[in-house]
């Protein structure tokens, strides 16, 4: 299990626990903050480009500001 949360304009857009192997697509038209727990097994693709999570990961939790 892992935790995903997305916030935009101080509002939670998505917040849930998901099973490994789950794929989700989220469309957001404004800057957002992405938080993922158990991040070691997660791939993030933003506008077709893979995002390196390692620099933003601490204690297996990643926090990213997406623009």
N, C-alpha and C. Protein backbone atom coordinates (compact mmCIF):
# COMPACT_ATOMS: atom_id res chain seq x y z
N UNK A 1 0.85 -1.19 0.00
CA UNK A 1 0.00 0.00 0.00
C UNK A 1 0.89 1.24 0.00
N UNK A 2 0.38 2.27 -0.61
CA UNK A 2 1.05 3.56 -0.56
C UNK A 2 0.00 4.66 -0.50
N UNK A 3 0.46 5.83 -0.09
CA UNK A 3 -0.43 6.96 0.10
C UNK A 3 -0.13 8.00 -0.97
N UNK A 4 -1.18 8.55 -1.58
CA UNK A 4 -1.03 9.63 -2.56
C UNK A 4 -1.92 10.79 -2.14
N UNK A 5 -1.37 11.98 -2.28
CA UNK A 5 -2.15 13.18 -1.99
C UNK A 5 -1.74 14.27 -2.97
N UNK A 6 -2.72 14.98 -3.50
CA UNK A 6 -2.46 16.12 -4.37
C UNK A 6 -3.29 17.29 -3.87
N UNK A 7 -2.62 18.44 -3.70
CA UNK A 7 -3.31 19.65 -3.27
C UNK A 7 -3.06 20.75 -4.29
N UNK A 8 -4.10 21.50 -4.61
CA UNK A 8 -3.99 22.65 -5.51
C UNK A 8 -4.84 23.76 -4.94
N UNK A 9 -4.29 24.97 -4.92
CA UNK A 9 -5.01 26.12 -4.36
C UNK A 9 -5.54 25.84 -2.96
N UNK A 10 -4.71 25.20 -2.13
CA UNK A 10 -5.05 24.89 -0.73
C UNK A 10 -6.23 23.94 -0.60
N UNK A 11 -6.56 23.23 -1.67
CA UNK A 11 -7.66 22.28 -1.66
C UNK A 11 -7.13 20.90 -2.02
N UNK A 12 -7.56 19.87 -1.30
CA UNK A 12 -7.14 18.51 -1.61
C UNK A 12 -7.89 18.03 -2.84
N UNK A 13 -7.14 17.69 -3.88
CA UNK A 13 -7.71 17.20 -5.13
C UNK A 13 -7.84 15.69 -5.09
N UNK A 14 -6.86 15.02 -4.46
CA UNK A 14 -6.84 13.57 -4.37
C UNK A 14 -6.14 13.18 -3.08
N UNK A 15 -6.68 12.22 -2.36
CA UNK A 15 -6.05 11.72 -1.15
C UNK A 15 -6.56 10.31 -0.91
N UNK A 16 -5.66 9.33 -1.03
CA UNK A 16 -6.11 7.95 -0.85
C UNK A 16 -4.95 6.98 -0.68
N UNK A 17 -5.28 5.82 -0.15
CA UNK A 17 -4.37 4.69 -0.10
C UNK A 17 -4.61 3.85 -1.36
N UNK A 18 -3.54 3.38 -1.99
CA UNK A 18 -3.69 2.56 -3.19
C UNK A 18 -2.77 1.35 -3.11
N UNK A 19 -3.14 0.30 -3.82
CA UNK A 19 -2.34 -0.92 -3.87
C UNK A 19 -1.21 -0.76 -4.87
N UNK A 20 -0.13 -1.50 -4.64
CA UNK A 20 0.98 -1.53 -5.58
C UNK A 20 0.49 -1.94 -6.96
N UNK A 21 1.06 -1.36 -8.00
CA UNK A 21 0.68 -1.68 -9.36
C UNK A 21 -0.45 -0.85 -9.91
N UNK A 22 -1.01 0.03 -9.08
CA UNK A 22 -2.11 0.89 -9.51
C UNK A 22 -1.59 2.02 -10.38
N UNK A 23 -2.32 2.34 -11.44
CA UNK A 23 -1.98 3.46 -12.31
C UNK A 23 -3.12 4.47 -12.23
N UNK A 24 -2.75 5.74 -12.06
CA UNK A 24 -3.75 6.80 -12.03
C UNK A 24 -3.30 7.95 -12.92
N UNK A 25 -4.25 8.59 -13.55
CA UNK A 25 -4.00 9.80 -14.32
C UNK A 25 -4.81 10.91 -13.68
N UNK A 26 -4.15 12.01 -13.37
CA UNK A 26 -4.82 13.15 -12.75
C UNK A 26 -4.52 14.38 -13.59
N UNK A 27 -5.56 15.08 -13.99
CA UNK A 27 -5.38 16.31 -14.76
C UNK A 27 -5.62 17.51 -13.86
N UNK A 28 -4.59 18.35 -13.77
CA UNK A 28 -4.66 19.55 -12.94
C UNK A 28 -4.12 20.70 -13.78
N UNK A 29 -4.84 21.80 -13.79
CA UNK A 29 -4.46 22.94 -14.63
C UNK A 29 -3.77 24.06 -13.85
N UNK A 30 -3.41 23.81 -12.61
CA UNK A 30 -2.78 24.83 -11.79
C UNK A 30 -1.64 24.21 -11.00
N UNK A 31 -0.75 25.02 -10.43
CA UNK A 31 0.32 24.46 -9.61
C UNK A 31 -0.25 23.60 -8.48
N UNK A 32 0.45 22.53 -8.14
CA UNK A 32 -0.04 21.60 -7.12
C UNK A 32 1.12 21.02 -6.33
N UNK A 33 0.80 20.47 -5.17
CA UNK A 33 1.78 19.77 -4.35
C UNK A 33 1.41 18.30 -4.33
N UNK A 34 2.36 17.44 -4.65
CA UNK A 34 2.18 15.99 -4.68
C UNK A 34 2.93 15.39 -3.52
N UNK A 35 2.27 14.57 -2.71
CA UNK A 35 2.89 13.85 -1.61
C UNK A 35 2.62 12.37 -1.81
N UNK A 36 3.69 11.55 -1.74
CA UNK A 36 3.55 10.11 -1.90
C UNK A 36 4.31 9.42 -0.79
N UNK A 37 3.61 8.56 -0.05
CA UNK A 37 4.25 7.73 0.96
C UNK A 37 4.58 6.37 0.37
N UNK A 38 5.62 5.72 0.86
CA UNK A 38 6.12 4.46 0.31
C UNK A 38 6.55 4.70 -1.14
N UNK A 39 7.29 5.77 -1.32
CA UNK A 39 7.62 6.29 -2.64
C UNK A 39 8.63 5.46 -3.43
N UNK A 40 9.31 4.54 -2.78
CA UNK A 40 10.37 3.80 -3.46
C UNK A 40 9.89 2.99 -4.66
N UNK A 41 8.62 2.63 -4.70
CA UNK A 41 8.11 1.85 -5.81
C UNK A 41 7.21 2.62 -6.75
N UNK A 42 7.36 3.96 -6.78
CA UNK A 42 6.45 4.79 -7.55
C UNK A 42 7.19 5.45 -8.72
N UNK A 43 6.53 5.53 -9.87
CA UNK A 43 7.02 6.28 -11.01
C UNK A 43 6.04 7.43 -11.25
N UNK A 44 6.57 8.62 -11.45
CA UNK A 44 5.74 9.79 -11.75
C UNK A 44 6.12 10.30 -13.13
N UNK A 45 5.12 10.53 -13.95
CA UNK A 45 5.33 11.10 -15.29
C UNK A 45 4.50 12.37 -15.37
N UNK A 46 5.16 13.48 -15.69
CA UNK A 46 4.50 14.78 -15.80
C UNK A 46 4.62 15.27 -17.24
N UNK A 47 3.48 15.40 -17.90
CA UNK A 47 3.43 15.84 -19.30
C UNK A 47 4.35 15.00 -20.19
N UNK A 48 4.35 13.69 -19.95
CA UNK A 48 5.12 12.77 -20.78
C UNK A 48 6.58 12.60 -20.37
N UNK A 49 7.03 13.33 -19.35
CA UNK A 49 8.42 13.27 -18.91
C UNK A 49 8.52 12.61 -17.54
N UNK A 50 9.33 11.54 -17.42
CA UNK A 50 9.52 10.92 -16.10
C UNK A 50 10.18 11.90 -15.13
N UNK A 51 9.73 11.89 -13.89
CA UNK A 51 10.27 12.76 -12.84
C UNK A 51 11.14 11.93 -11.91
N UNK A 52 12.38 12.39 -11.65
CA UNK A 52 13.27 11.72 -10.70
C UNK A 52 12.82 12.08 -9.29
N UNK A 53 12.33 11.10 -8.54
CA UNK A 53 11.81 11.35 -7.20
C UNK A 53 12.89 11.36 -6.13
N UNK A 54 14.05 10.78 -6.40
CA UNK A 54 15.09 10.64 -5.37
C UNK A 54 15.49 11.96 -4.70
N UNK A 55 15.69 13.05 -5.43
CA UNK A 55 16.09 14.30 -4.75
C UNK A 55 15.01 14.86 -3.81
N UNK A 56 13.76 14.49 -4.03
CA UNK A 56 12.65 15.02 -3.23
C UNK A 56 12.15 14.03 -2.19
N UNK A 57 12.85 12.90 -2.02
CA UNK A 57 12.40 11.85 -1.12
C UNK A 57 13.18 11.87 0.18
N UNK A 58 12.44 11.79 1.29
CA UNK A 58 13.05 11.69 2.62
C UNK A 58 12.22 10.69 3.41
N UNK A 59 12.88 9.69 3.99
CA UNK A 59 12.19 8.64 4.76
C UNK A 59 11.10 7.96 3.94
N UNK A 60 11.37 7.75 2.65
CA UNK A 60 10.47 7.06 1.72
C UNK A 60 9.16 7.83 1.48
N UNK A 61 9.20 9.16 1.72
CA UNK A 61 8.07 10.03 1.41
C UNK A 61 8.58 11.12 0.46
N UNK A 62 7.87 11.30 -0.65
CA UNK A 62 8.26 12.33 -1.62
C UNK A 62 7.25 13.48 -1.56
N UNK A 63 7.79 14.69 -1.62
CA UNK A 63 6.96 15.90 -1.69
C UNK A 63 7.47 16.73 -2.86
N UNK A 64 6.59 16.97 -3.83
CA UNK A 64 6.96 17.71 -5.03
C UNK A 64 6.01 18.89 -5.24
N UNK A 65 6.56 19.99 -5.70
CA UNK A 65 5.74 21.11 -6.17
C UNK A 65 5.70 21.00 -7.68
N UNK A 66 4.51 20.85 -8.22
CA UNK A 66 4.34 20.70 -9.66
C UNK A 66 3.78 21.98 -10.24
N UNK A 67 4.37 22.43 -11.36
CA UNK A 67 3.93 23.66 -12.00
C UNK A 67 3.64 23.41 -13.45
